[in-house]
C-alpha atoms as a PDB file:
ATOM      1  CA  MET A   1       8.622 -63.988 -48.474  1.00  0.00           C
ATOM      2  CA  ALA A   2       5.498 -61.973 -48.899  1.00  0.00           C
ATOM      3  CA  ASP A   3       3.484 -62.890 -52.191  1.00  0.00           C
ATOM      4  CA  PHE A   4       1.870 -59.370 -52.409  1.00  0.00           C
ATOM      5  CA  SER A   5       3.565 -55.900 -52.609  1.00  0.00           C
ATOM      6  CA  ALA A   6       0.495 -53.996 -52.003  1.00  0.00           C
ATOM      7  CA  TYR A   7      -2.950 -54.281 -50.260  1.00  0.00           C
ATOM      8  CA  VAL A   8      -5.995 -52.497 -51.057  1.00  0.00           C
ATOM      9  CA  MET A   9      -9.489 -52.511 -49.060  1.00  0.00           C
ATOM     10  CA  VAL A  10     -12.566 -50.914 -50.341  1.00  0.00           C
ATOM     11  CA  ASP A  11     -15.664 -50.018 -48.355  1.00  0.00           C
ATOM     12  CA  TRP A  12     -18.467 -49.721 -50.749  1.00  0.00           C
ATOM     13  CA  SER A  13     -21.613 -47.614 -50.656  1.00  0.00           C
ATOM     14  CA  ALA A  14     -24.952 -48.003 -52.496  1.00  0.00           C
ATOM     15  CA  ALA A  15     -25.999 -44.305 -51.783  1.00  0.00           C
ATOM     16  CA  SER A  16     -28.353 -42.812 -54.228  1.00  0.00           C
ATOM     17  CA  ALA A  17     -26.551 -39.311 -54.374  1.00  0.00           C
ATOM     18  CA  ALA A  18     -22.753 -38.197 -54.371  1.00  0.00           C
ATOM     19  CA  ARG A  19     -21.853 -38.391 -50.719  1.00  0.00           C
ATOM     20  CA  LEU A  20     -18.640 -38.025 -48.344  1.00  0.00           C
ATOM     21  CA  GLY A  21     -17.715 -39.044 -44.746  1.00  0.00           C
ATOM     22  CA  ARG A  22     -19.850 -41.643 -43.006  1.00  0.00           C
ATOM     23  CA  ASP A  23     -21.695 -44.376 -45.333  1.00  0.00           C
ATOM     24  CA  SER A  24     -19.608 -43.316 -48.378  1.00  0.00           C
ATOM     25  CA  ILE A  25     -16.853 -45.077 -50.134  1.00  0.00           C
ATOM     26  CA  TRP A  26     -13.552 -45.394 -48.312  1.00  0.00           C
ATOM     27  CA  ILE A  27     -10.448 -46.859 -50.006  1.00  0.00           C
ATOM     28  CA  ALA A  28      -7.198 -47.822 -48.130  1.00  0.00           C
ATOM     29  CA  VAL A  29      -3.942 -48.665 -49.727  1.00  0.00           C
ATOM     30  CA  ALA A  30      -0.753 -50.026 -48.028  1.00  0.00           C
ATOM     31  CA  GLN A  31       2.622 -50.728 -49.823  1.00  0.00           C
ATOM     32  CA  ARG A  32       5.291 -52.814 -48.733  1.00  0.00           C
ATOM     33  CA  ARG A  33       8.636 -51.061 -48.596  1.00  0.00           C
ATOM     34  CA  GLY A  34      11.197 -53.681 -47.657  1.00  0.00           C
ATOM     35  CA  LYS A  35      10.000 -55.999 -44.860  1.00  0.00           C
ATOM     36  CA  ARG A  36       7.098 -53.666 -43.619  1.00  0.00           C
ATOM     37  CA  PRO A  37       3.880 -52.363 -45.348  1.00  0.00           C
ATOM     38  CA  ARG A  38       3.682 -48.740 -44.858  1.00  0.00           C
ATOM     39  CA  MET A  39       0.442 -46.612 -45.231  1.00  0.00           C
ATOM     40  CA  ALA A  40       0.756 -42.730 -45.553  1.00  0.00           C
ATOM     41  CA  ARG A  41      -2.083 -40.579 -44.979  1.00  0.00           C
ATOM     42  CA  SER A  42      -2.573 -39.892 -48.733  1.00  0.00           C
ATOM     43  CA  ASP A  43      -3.418 -43.930 -49.056  1.00  0.00           C
ATOM     44  CA  LEU A  44      -6.849 -43.397 -47.247  1.00  0.00           C
ATOM     45  CA  VAL A  45      -9.116 -41.893 -49.620  1.00  0.00           C
ATOM     46  CA  ASN A  46     -12.683 -41.022 -49.442  1.00  0.00           C
ATOM     47  CA  LEU A  47     -14.666 -40.562 -52.930  1.00  0.00           C
ATOM     48  CA  PRO A  48     -18.337 -39.199 -53.538  1.00  0.00           C
ATOM     49  CA  THR A  49     -19.431 -41.352 -56.130  1.00  0.00           C
ATOM     50  CA  ARG A  50     -19.178 -45.338 -57.449  1.00  0.00           C
ATOM     51  CA  ALA A  51     -17.862 -43.822 -60.733  1.00  0.00           C
ATOM     52  CA  ASP A  52     -15.170 -41.776 -59.144  1.00  0.00           C
ATOM     53  CA  ALA A  53     -13.966 -44.925 -57.204  1.00  0.00           C
ATOM     54  CA  CYS A  54     -13.851 -47.110 -60.367  1.00  0.00           C
ATOM     55  CA  ARG A  55     -11.908 -44.684 -62.182  1.00  0.00           C
ATOM     56  CA  TRP A  56      -9.370 -44.237 -59.221  1.00  0.00           C
ATOM     57  CA  LEU A  57      -9.082 -47.743 -58.627  1.00  0.00           C
ATOM     58  CA  GLU A  58      -8.256 -48.557 -62.297  1.00  0.00           C
ATOM     59  CA  ALA A  59      -5.531 -45.967 -62.351  1.00  0.00           C
ATOM     60  CA  ARG A  60      -4.140 -46.942 -58.836  1.00  0.00           C
ATOM     61  CA  LEU A  61      -4.378 -50.559 -59.465  1.00  0.00           C
ATOM     62  CA  ALA A  62      -2.540 -50.428 -62.769  1.00  0.00           C
ATOM     63  CA  ALA A  63       0.277 -48.212 -61.168  1.00  0.00           C
ATOM     64  CA  LEU A  64       0.676 -50.976 -58.167  1.00  0.00           C
ATOM     65  CA  ALA A  65       0.648 -53.734 -60.329  1.00  0.00           C
ATOM     66  CA  ALA A  66       3.423 -52.391 -62.284  1.00  0.00           C
ATOM     67  CA  GLU A  67       5.745 -52.722 -59.108  1.00  0.00           C
ATOM     68  CA  GLY A  68       4.342 -55.843 -57.863  1.00  0.00           C
ATOM     69  CA  ARG A  69       1.425 -57.982 -56.981  1.00  0.00           C
ATOM     70  CA  VAL A  70      -1.776 -56.528 -55.408  1.00  0.00           C
ATOM     71  CA  LEU A  71      -4.441 -57.997 -53.164  1.00  0.00           C
ATOM     72  CA  VAL A  72      -7.820 -56.091 -53.160  1.00  0.00           C
ATOM     73  CA  GLY A  73     -10.737 -56.482 -50.799  1.00  0.00           C
ATOM     74  CA  PHE A  74     -14.185 -55.410 -51.141  1.00  0.00           C
ATOM     75  CA  ASP A  75     -16.945 -55.458 -48.394  1.00  0.00           C
ATOM     76  CA  PHE A  76     -19.786 -56.726 -50.138  1.00  0.00           C
ATOM     77  CA  PRO A  77     -20.833 -60.371 -51.176  1.00  0.00           C
ATOM     78  CA  PHE A  78     -19.565 -61.402 -54.443  1.00  0.00           C
ATOM     79  CA  GLY A  79     -22.353 -64.034 -55.078  1.00  0.00           C
ATOM     80  CA  TYR A  80     -25.783 -65.388 -54.290  1.00  0.00           C
ATOM     81  CA  PRO A  81     -27.167 -68.512 -52.712  1.00  0.00           C
ATOM     82  CA  ALA A  82     -26.278 -71.534 -55.101  1.00  0.00           C
ATOM     83  CA  GLY A  83     -29.250 -72.038 -57.828  1.00  0.00           C
ATOM     84  CA  THR A  84     -29.998 -68.409 -58.234  1.00  0.00           C
ATOM     85  CA  ALA A  85     -28.213 -68.353 -61.694  1.00  0.00           C
ATOM     86  CA  ALA A  86     -30.260 -71.477 -62.665  1.00  0.00           C
ATOM     87  CA  ARG A  87     -33.496 -69.961 -61.587  1.00  0.00           C
ATOM     88  CA  LEU A  88     -32.684 -66.743 -63.452  1.00  0.00           C
ATOM     89  CA  GLY A  89     -32.528 -69.076 -66.721  1.00  0.00           C
ATOM     90  CA  LEU A  90     -28.899 -68.057 -67.131  1.00  0.00           C
ATOM     91  CA  LYS A  91     -26.606 -70.161 -68.913  1.00  0.00           C
ATOM     92  CA  GLY A  92     -22.630 -71.248 -68.449  1.00  0.00           C
ATOM     93  CA  ALA A  93     -20.813 -70.761 -65.242  1.00  0.00           C
ATOM     94  CA  PRO A  94     -23.102 -69.440 -62.683  1.00  0.00           C
ATOM     95  CA  TRP A  95     -21.153 -66.626 -61.327  1.00  0.00           C
ATOM     96  CA  ARG A  96     -19.992 -65.431 -64.597  1.00  0.00           C
ATOM     97  CA  SER A  97     -23.263 -65.674 -66.174  1.00  0.00           C
ATOM     98  CA  LEU A  98     -24.889 -63.771 -63.077  1.00  0.00           C
ATOM     99  CA  TRP A  99     -22.060 -61.017 -62.860  1.00  0.00           C
ATOM    100  CA  ALA A 100     -22.698 -60.251 -66.581  1.00  0.00           C
ATOM    101  CA  ALA A 101     -26.173 -60.109 -66.353  1.00  0.00           C
ATOM    102  CA  LEU A 102     -25.989 -57.658 -63.651  1.00  0.00           C
ATOM    103  CA  ALA A 103     -23.533 -55.647 -65.259  1.00  0.00           C
ATOM    104  CA  HIS A 104     -25.927 -55.422 -68.167  1.00  0.00           C
ATOM    105  CA  ALA A 105     -29.077 -54.614 -66.121  1.00  0.00           C
ATOM    106  CA  VAL A 106     -27.671 -52.106 -63.684  1.00  0.00           C
ATOM    107  CA  VAL A 107     -27.677 -48.464 -64.613  1.00  0.00           C
ATOM    108  CA  ASP A 108     -25.588 -46.549 -62.239  1.00  0.00           C
ATOM    109  CA  GLY A 109     -25.137 -42.893 -62.984  1.00  0.00           C
ATOM    110  CA  PRO A 110     -22.176 -40.754 -62.508  1.00  0.00           C
ATOM    111  CA  ASP A 111     -23.914 -38.711 -59.726  1.00  0.00           C
ATOM    112  CA  ASN A 112     -24.840 -42.162 -58.165  1.00  0.00           C
ATOM    113  CA  ALA A 113     -28.471 -42.284 -59.363  1.00  0.00           C
ATOM    114  CA  ASN A 114     -29.154 -46.171 -60.020  1.00  0.00           C
ATOM    115  CA  ASN A 115     -31.977 -48.630 -60.739  1.00  0.00           C
ATOM    116  CA  ARG A 116     -31.197 -51.199 -58.411  1.00  0.00           C
ATOM    117  CA  PHE A 117     -34.786 -51.404 -57.133  1.00  0.00           C
ATOM    118  CA  ASP A 118     -35.978 -51.824 -60.761  1.00  0.00           C
ATOM    119  CA  VAL A 119     -33.425 -54.647 -61.095  1.00  0.00           C
ATOM    120  CA  ALA A 120     -34.185 -56.454 -57.807  1.00  0.00           C
ATOM    121  CA  GLU A 121     -38.061 -56.235 -58.750  1.00  0.00           C
ATOM    122  CA  GLU A 122     -37.557 -57.780 -62.189  1.00  0.00           C
ATOM    123  CA  TRP A 123     -35.302 -60.607 -60.765  1.00  0.00           C
ATOM    124  CA  ASN A 124     -38.100 -61.235 -58.388  1.00  0.00           C
ATOM    125  CA  ARG A 125     -40.391 -61.519 -61.246  1.00  0.00           C
ATOM    126  CA  ARG A 126     -38.050 -64.032 -62.814  1.00  0.00           C
ATOM    127  CA  LEU A 127     -37.159 -65.987 -59.762  1.00  0.00           C
ATOM    128  CA  THR A 128     -40.750 -66.399 -58.315  1.00  0.00           C
ATOM    129  CA  GLY A 129     -43.349 -64.222 -59.941  1.00  0.00           C
ATOM    130  CA  GLU A 130     -43.861 -62.654 -56.553  1.00  0.00           C
ATOM    131  CA  ALA A 131     -42.215 -60.018 -53.962  1.00  0.00           C
ATOM    132  CA  PHE A 132     -39.540 -62.642 -53.231  1.00  0.00           C
ATOM    133  CA  PRO A 133     -36.653 -63.302 -52.296  1.00  0.00           C
ATOM    134  CA  PHE A 134     -35.415 -59.517 -52.859  1.00  0.00           C
ATOM    135  CA  TRP A 135     -36.912 -57.218 -50.084  1.00  0.00           C
ATOM    136  CA  GLY A 136     -36.493 -53.668 -48.858  1.00  0.00           C
ATOM    137  CA  ASN A 137     -37.523 -50.309 -50.845  1.00  0.00           C
ATOM    138  CA  VAL A 138     -36.648 -47.107 -49.411  1.00  0.00           C
ATOM    139  CA  ARG A 139     -38.667 -45.145 -52.342  1.00  0.00           C
ATOM    140  CA  GLU A 140     -42.132 -44.174 -51.449  1.00  0.00           C
ATOM    141  CA  GLU A 141     -43.616 -45.550 -54.838  1.00  0.00           C
ATOM    142  CA  ALA A 142     -45.422 -49.000 -54.103  1.00  0.00           C
ATOM    143  CA  ARG A 143     -43.974 -52.036 -56.193  1.00  0.00           C
ATOM    144  CA  GLY A 144     -45.940 -55.108 -56.869  1.00  0.00           C
ATOM    145  CA  HIS A 145     -42.766 -57.404 -56.777  1.00  0.00           C
ATOM    146  CA  LEU A 146     -40.631 -55.650 -54.235  1.00  0.00           C
ATOM    147  CA  LEU A 147     -41.943 -54.898 -50.633  1.00  0.00           C
ATOM    148  CA  ARG A 148     -40.478 -52.150 -48.456  1.00  0.00           C
ATOM    149  CA  ARG A 149     -40.178 -54.241 -45.460  1.00  0.00           C
ATOM    150  CA  GLY A 150     -39.563 -58.100 -45.160  1.00  0.00           C
ATOM    151  CA  CYS A 151     -40.893 -60.697 -47.445  1.00  0.00           C
ATOM    152  CA  ARG A 152     -42.333 -64.170 -46.682  1.00  0.00           C
ATOM    153  CA  ALA A 153     -40.358 -66.993 -44.980  1.00  0.00           C
ATOM    154  CA  HIS A 154     -38.108 -68.937 -47.121  1.00  0.00           C
ATOM    155  CA  GLY A 155     -39.620 -72.659 -47.426  1.00  0.00           C
ATOM    156  CA  PRO A 156     -38.501 -75.961 -48.829  1.00  0.00           C
ATOM    157  CA  GLY A 157     -37.952 -75.497 -52.718  1.00  0.00           C
ATOM    158  CA  ASP A 158     -36.950 -71.854 -52.271  1.00  0.00           C
ATOM    159  CA  LEU A 159     -33.512 -70.332 -52.829  1.00  0.00           C
ATOM    160  CA  PRO A 160     -31.798 -70.103 -49.672  1.00  0.00           C
ATOM    161  CA  ARG A 161     -32.092 -67.198 -47.160  1.00  0.00           C
ATOM    162  CA  ARG A 162     -28.251 -66.938 -46.727  1.00  0.00           C
ATOM    163  CA  ARG A 163     -25.225 -67.773 -48.677  1.00  0.00           C
ATOM    164  CA  LEU A 164     -22.763 -70.725 -46.914  1.00  0.00           C
ATOM    165  CA  ALA A 165     -20.571 -67.826 -45.839  1.00  0.00           C
ATOM    166  CA  ASP A 166     -23.126 -65.524 -44.503  1.00  0.00           C
ATOM    167  CA  ALA A 167     -24.695 -68.315 -42.483  1.00  0.00           C
ATOM    168  CA  ARG A 168     -21.247 -68.771 -40.644  1.00  0.00           C
ATOM    169  CA  VAL A 169     -20.878 -64.934 -39.833  1.00  0.00           C
ATOM    170  CA  PRO A 170     -22.730 -63.907 -36.511  1.00  0.00           C
ATOM    171  CA  GLY A 171     -25.022 -60.932 -37.683  1.00  0.00           C
ATOM    172  CA  ALA A 172     -24.523 -61.127 -41.173  1.00  0.00           C
ATOM    173  CA  HIS A 173     -27.520 -59.988 -43.318  1.00  0.00           C
ATOM    174  CA  PRO A 174     -28.830 -62.095 -46.198  1.00  0.00           C
ATOM    175  CA  VAL A 175     -27.849 -60.626 -49.820  1.00  0.00           C
ATOM    176  CA  TRP A 176     -31.547 -60.462 -50.411  1.00  0.00           C
ATOM    177  CA  GLN A 177     -32.029 -57.291 -48.245  1.00  0.00           C
ATOM    178  CA  LEU A 178     -31.804 -54.103 -50.055  1.00  0.00           C
ATOM    179  CA  ALA A 179     -32.388 -51.770 -47.339  1.00  0.00           C
ATOM    180  CA  GLY A 180     -32.238 -51.230 -43.552  1.00  0.00           C
ATOM    181  CA  ASN A 181     -29.602 -51.665 -40.758  1.00  0.00           C
ATOM    182  CA  GLY A 182     -26.853 -53.983 -41.731  1.00  0.00           C
ATOM    183  CA  SER A 183     -28.092 -54.614 -45.383  1.00  0.00           C
ATOM    184  CA  VAL A 184     -25.808 -55.574 -48.160  1.00  0.00           C
ATOM    185  CA  GLY A 185     -28.204 -56.415 -50.891  1.00  0.00           C
ATOM    186  CA  SER A 186     -28.003 -53.137 -52.571  1.00  0.00           C
ATOM    187  CA  GLN A 187     -24.081 -52.891 -52.205  1.00  0.00           C
ATOM    188  CA  ALA A 188     -24.025 -56.292 -53.883  1.00  0.00           C
ATOM    189  CA  LEU A 189     -26.240 -55.417 -56.858  1.00  0.00           C
ATOM    190  CA  LEU A 190     -24.194 -52.184 -57.632  1.00  0.00           C
ATOM    191  CA  GLY A 191     -20.940 -53.440 -56.510  1.00  0.00           C
ATOM    192  CA  ILE A 192     -20.691 -56.684 -58.655  1.00  0.00           C
ATOM    193  CA  ALA A 193     -21.532 -54.661 -61.640  1.00  0.00           C
ATOM    194  CA  ARG A 194     -18.607 -52.150 -61.007  1.00  0.00           C
ATOM    195  CA  VAL A 195     -16.168 -54.760 -59.950  1.00  0.00           C
ATOM    196  CA  TRP A 196     -17.153 -56.598 -63.443  1.00  0.00           C
ATOM    197  CA  GLN A 197     -16.161 -53.497 -65.084  1.00  0.00           C
ATOM    198  CA  LEU A 198     -12.901 -53.138 -63.113  1.00  0.00           C
ATOM    199  CA  ARG A 199     -12.122 -56.771 -64.113  1.00  0.00           C
ATOM    200  CA  HIS A 200     -12.583 -55.903 -67.558  1.00  0.00           C
ATOM    201  CA  ALA A 201     -10.688 -52.562 -67.845  1.00  0.00           C
ATOM    202  CA  PRO A 202      -8.252 -52.651 -70.472  1.00  0.00           C
ATOM    203  CA  ALA A 203      -5.300 -51.972 -68.278  1.00  0.00           C
ATOM    204  CA  LEU A 204      -6.365 -54.693 -65.940  1.00  0.00           C
ATOM    205  CA  ALA A 205      -8.092 -57.405 -67.904  1.00  0.00           C
ATOM    206  CA  GLN A 206      -5.145 -59.689 -68.691  1.00  0.00           C
ATOM    207  CA  ILE A 207      -3.604 -59.406 -64.956  1.00  0.00           C
ATOM    208  CA  THR A 208      -6.507 -59.500 -62.728  1.00  0.00           C
ATOM    209  CA  ALA A 209      -8.475 -62.544 -61.328  1.00  0.00           C
ATOM    210  CA  ILE A 210     -11.474 -62.707 -58.993  1.00  0.00           C
ATOM    211  CA  TRP A 211     -11.010 -65.246 -55.998  1.00  0.00           C
ATOM    212  CA  PRO A 212     -12.333 -67.854 -55.677  1.00  0.00           C
ATOM    213  CA  PHE A 213     -14.278 -67.830 -58.879  1.00  0.00           C
ATOM    214  CA  GLU A 214     -11.371 -67.660 -61.432  1.00  0.00           C
ATOM    215  CA  THR A 215      -8.543 -69.004 -58.993  1.00  0.00           C
ATOM    216  CA  GLY A 216     -10.358 -71.505 -57.150  1.00  0.00           C
ATOM    217  CA  PHE A 217      -9.535 -71.804 -53.378  1.00  0.00           C
ATOM    218  CA  ALA A 218      -5.940 -70.602 -53.969  1.00  0.00           C
ATOM    219  CA  ASP A 219      -4.127 -67.907 -54.865  1.00  0.00           C
ATOM    220  CA  ASP A 220      -3.090 -67.398 -58.657  1.00  0.00           C
ATOM    221  CA  ALA A 221       0.494 -66.286 -58.865  1.00  0.00           C
ATOM    222  CA  GLY A 222       0.132 -65.869 -62.183  1.00  0.00           C
ATOM    223  CA  LYS A 223      -2.146 -62.624 -61.796  1.00  0.00           C
ATOM    224  CA  ARG A 224      -0.764 -59.370 -60.662  1.00  0.00           C
ATOM    225  CA  ILE A 225      -4.136 -58.461 -59.188  1.00  0.00           C
ATOM    226  CA  VAL A 226      -6.451 -60.521 -57.030  1.00  0.00           C
ATOM    227  CA  LEU A 227      -9.954 -59.374 -56.315  1.00  0.00           C
ATOM    228  CA  ALA A 228     -11.714 -60.704 -53.392  1.00  0.00           C
ATOM    229  CA  GLU A 229     -14.789 -60.486 -50.931  1.00  0.00           C
ATOM    230  CA  SER A 230     -13.605 -59.258 -47.574  1.00  0.00           C
ATOM    231  CA  TYR A 231     -15.477 -58.741 -44.484  1.00  0.00           C
ATOM    232  CA  PRO A 232     -13.899 -55.884 -42.225  1.00  0.00           C
ATOM    233  CA  SER A 233     -15.763 -56.990 -39.039  1.00  0.00           C
ATOM    234  CA  LEU A 234     -13.312 -59.966 -38.974  1.00  0.00           C
ATOM    235  CA  ILE A 235     -10.694 -57.592 -37.363  1.00  0.00           C
ATOM    236  CA  ARG A 236     -11.119 -54.710 -34.807  1.00  0.00           C
ATOM    237  CA  PRO A 237     -11.077 -51.241 -36.710  1.00  0.00           C
ATOM    238  CA  LEU A 238      -8.631 -48.606 -35.892  1.00  0.00           C
ATOM    239  CA  ARG A 239      -9.857 -45.578 -34.445  1.00  0.00           C
ATOM    240  CA  LEU A 240      -8.937 -42.516 -36.517  1.00  0.00           C
ATOM    241  CA  ALA A 241      -9.371 -39.218 -35.104  1.00  0.00           C
ATOM    242  CA  HIS A 242     -12.297 -36.997 -36.687  1.00  0.00           C
ATOM    243  CA  LEU A 243     -12.755 -39.860 -39.226  1.00  0.00           C
ATOM    244  CA  PRO A 244     -15.752 -42.429 -39.277  1.00  0.00           C
ATOM    245  CA  LYS A 245     -15.673 -46.127 -38.582  1.00  0.00           C
ATOM    246  CA  ASP A 246     -15.701 -46.936 -42.077  1.00  0.00           C
ATOM    247  CA  ALA A 247     -12.110 -45.347 -42.577  1.00  0.00           C
ATOM    248  CA  GLY A 248     -10.805 -47.000 -39.545  1.00  0.00           C
ATOM    249  CA  GLN A 249     -12.055 -50.463 -40.906  1.00  0.00           C
ATOM    250  CA  VAL A 250     -10.409 -50.138 -44.445  1.00  0.00           C
ATOM    251  CA  ALA A 251      -7.161 -49.008 -42.600  1.00  0.00           C
ATOM    252  CA  ALA A 252      -7.284 -51.810 -40.304  1.00  0.00           C
ATOM    253  CA  MET A 253      -7.958 -54.376 -43.052  1.00  0.00           C
ATOM    254  CA  VAL A 254      -5.169 -53.692 -45.196  1.00  0.00           C
ATOM    255  CA  GLU A 255      -2.668 -53.961 -42.010  1.00  0.00           C
ATOM    256  CA  ALA A 256      -4.300 -57.393 -41.661  1.00  0.00           C
ATOM    257  CA  PHE A 257      -3.559 -58.435 -45.187  1.00  0.00           C
ATOM    258  CA  ALA A 258      -0.052 -57.167 -45.006  1.00  0.00           C
ATOM    259  CA  ARG A 259       0.447 -58.985 -41.673  1.00  0.00           C
ATOM    260  CA  ALA A 260      -1.226 -62.355 -42.765  1.00  0.00           C
ATOM    261  CA  ASP A 261       1.073 -62.107 -46.028  1.00  0.00           C
ATOM    262  CA  ALA A 262       4.049 -61.261 -43.753  1.00  0.00           C
ATOM    263  CA  ALA A 263       3.548 -64.287 -41.773  1.00  0.00           C
ATOM    264  CA  GLY A 264       2.852 -66.655 -44.462  1.00  0.00           C
ATOM    265  CA  ALA A 265      -1.011 -67.007 -43.465  1.00  0.00           C
ATOM    266  CA  LEU A 266      -2.446 -65.785 -46.792  1.00  0.00           C
ATOM    267  CA  PRO A 267      -2.352 -69.270 -48.474  1.00  0.00           C
ATOM    268  CA  ALA A 268      -4.489 -70.648 -45.462  1.00  0.00           C
ATOM    269  CA  TRP A 269      -6.953 -67.545 -46.248  1.00  0.00           C
ATOM    270  CA  PHE A 270      -7.364 -68.258 -49.818  1.00  0.00           C
ATOM    271  CA  ALA A 271      -7.966 -71.952 -49.208  1.00  0.00           C
ATOM    272  CA  GLY A 272     -11.195 -71.155 -47.630  1.00  0.00           C
ATOM    273  CA  ASP A 273     -12.708 -72.822 -44.378  1.00  0.00           C
ATOM    274  CA  PRO A 274     -11.110 -76.445 -44.038  1.00  0.00           C
ATOM    275  CA  GLU A 275     -14.598 -77.170 -42.254  1.00  0.00           C
ATOM    276  CA  LEU A 276     -16.322 -76.795 -45.728  1.00  0.00           C
ATOM    277  CA  SER A 277     -17.635 -80.051 -47.445  1.00  0.00           C
ATOM    278  CA  ALA A 278     -16.662 -80.630 -50.956  1.00  0.00           C
ATOM    279  CA  ALA A 279     -20.032 -79.945 -52.081  1.00  0.00           C
ATOM    280  CA  GLU A 280     -20.092 -76.671 -50.234  1.00  0.00           C
ATOM    281  CA  ARG A 281     -16.565 -75.537 -51.523  1.00  0.00           C
ATOM    282  CA  ASP A 282     -18.118 -76.089 -55.362  1.00  0.00           C
ATOM    283  CA  ALA A 283     -20.932 -74.234 -54.657  1.00  0.00           C
ATOM    284  CA  ALA A 284     -18.687 -71.331 -53.083  1.00  0.00           C
ATOM    285  CA  ALA A 285     -16.301 -71.437 -55.876  1.00  0.00           C
ATOM    286  CA  GLN A 286     -19.056 -71.605 -58.673  1.00  0.00           C
ATOM    287  CA  GLU A 287     -21.587 -69.238 -57.533  1.00  0.00           C
ATOM    288  CA  GLU A 288     -21.821 -67.980 -53.640  1.00  0.00           C
ATOM    289  CA  ALA A 289     -18.201 -66.772 -53.199  1.00  0.00           C
ATOM    290  CA  TRP A 290     -16.587 -66.960 -50.177  1.00  0.00           C
ATOM    291  CA  ILE A 291     -15.169 -64.483 -47.643  1.00  0.00           C
ATOM    292  CA  LEU A 292     -11.443 -64.204 -47.541  1.00  0.00           C
ATOM    293  CA  GLY A 293      -9.990 -65.135 -44.292  1.00  0.00           C
ATOM    294  CA  LEU A 294     -13.254 -66.635 -42.983  1.00  0.00           C
ATOM    295  CA  THR A 295     -12.543 -70.149 -41.094  1.00  0.00           C
ATOM    296  CA  GLY A 296     -13.883 -71.719 -38.049  1.00  0.00           C
ATOM    297  CA  ARG A 297     -11.151 -69.701 -35.900  1.00  0.00           C
ATOM    298  CA  SER A 298     -12.318 -66.441 -37.273  1.00  0.00           C
ATOM    299  CA  ARG A 299     -16.013 -67.282 -36.716  1.00  0.00           C
ATOM    300  CA  ARG A 300     -15.343 -68.181 -33.174  1.00  0.00           C
ATOM    301  CA  VAL A 301     -13.309 -64.992 -32.609  1.00  0.00           C
ATOM    302  CA  LEU A 302     -16.497 -63.190 -33.931  1.00  0.00           C
ATOM    303  CA  ARG A 303     -18.914 -64.770 -31.655  1.00  0.00           C
ATOM    304  CA  ARG A 304     -16.705 -64.354 -28.794  1.00  0.00           C
ATOM    305  CA  ARG A 305     -16.404 -60.433 -29.769  1.00  0.00           C
ATOM    306  CA  ARG A 306     -20.203 -60.245 -30.172  1.00  0.00           C
ATOM    307  CA  LYS A 307     -21.013 -61.707 -26.894  1.00  0.00           C
ATOM    308  CA  ARG A 308     -18.608 -59.386 -25.135  1.00  0.00           C
ATOM    309  CA  LYS A 309     -20.412 -56.378 -26.922  1.00  0.00           C
ATOM    310  CA  GLY A 310     -23.539 -57.522 -25.855  1.00  0.00           C
ATOM    311  CA  LYS A 311     -22.579 -57.744 -22.123  1.00  0.00           C
ATOM    312  CA  ARG A 312     -21.324 -54.393 -22.345  1.00  0.00           C
ATOM    313  CA  ARG A 313     -24.566 -52.974 -23.580  1.00  0.00           C
ATOM    314  CA  SER A 314     -26.543 -54.993 -20.823  1.00  0.00           C
END
């Protein structure tokens, strides 16, 4: 029997202005009717701003949770390399103190105007007193503690360049990178602040948990909504006529969630990678987060896919 009755996947955006289409926010929803999940065209939505997305998600998740349990994936990192919260001088559970600090620091307007570069520069000052480890500034003005391109190499004593999960995903970019092809740093800064907002929305606060921070490496059957970091490239995107790849990725991901649930595979997804050591699992559960469904097997599939893609290009 499936554990969830609905599946949601969110492709996030760090755009600084309202935007639709490519590189904007796409959300897919699949609901289980009987034995099979079904996704109508109306369950694929494209929203112009992060504020719009949060309002839409709050209302839709509350409605879905009234009918059953909901699994929600977001395509940006839910954490930073172990030790980040301590270097910032934050107290308490590392992930919680860092998420709360971001929610307090980030200003993200109704038109997508935001202060993510200011936040990254200030955190560079607090972390190292130099333009490190965050980097990538798409704006023209010079910043003393945030370089437009690149940063110095990470050395002994520095925070790691990559999270444990990122180091296991071929081609994954570090969460410190805020701009450029494949970057995820800006999405994380803005996304974490918004997911924290959703997590504490009045209609959702008592029925929602964040995996693995609030659940450990398991599902929490007592919560109607489980929020998790997901990585759409773990599966092949659907090709949807006249729609960008982002739309095909979220549509494919909700189908993958549903298939895994029907096959009884989701408990293994929630359990994380069995190859992680006890110390690594603790770091992921306390601060770094983990990608739902990322295991040794999925990593090998990704590597084979990248090799085939490289051969086609050559």
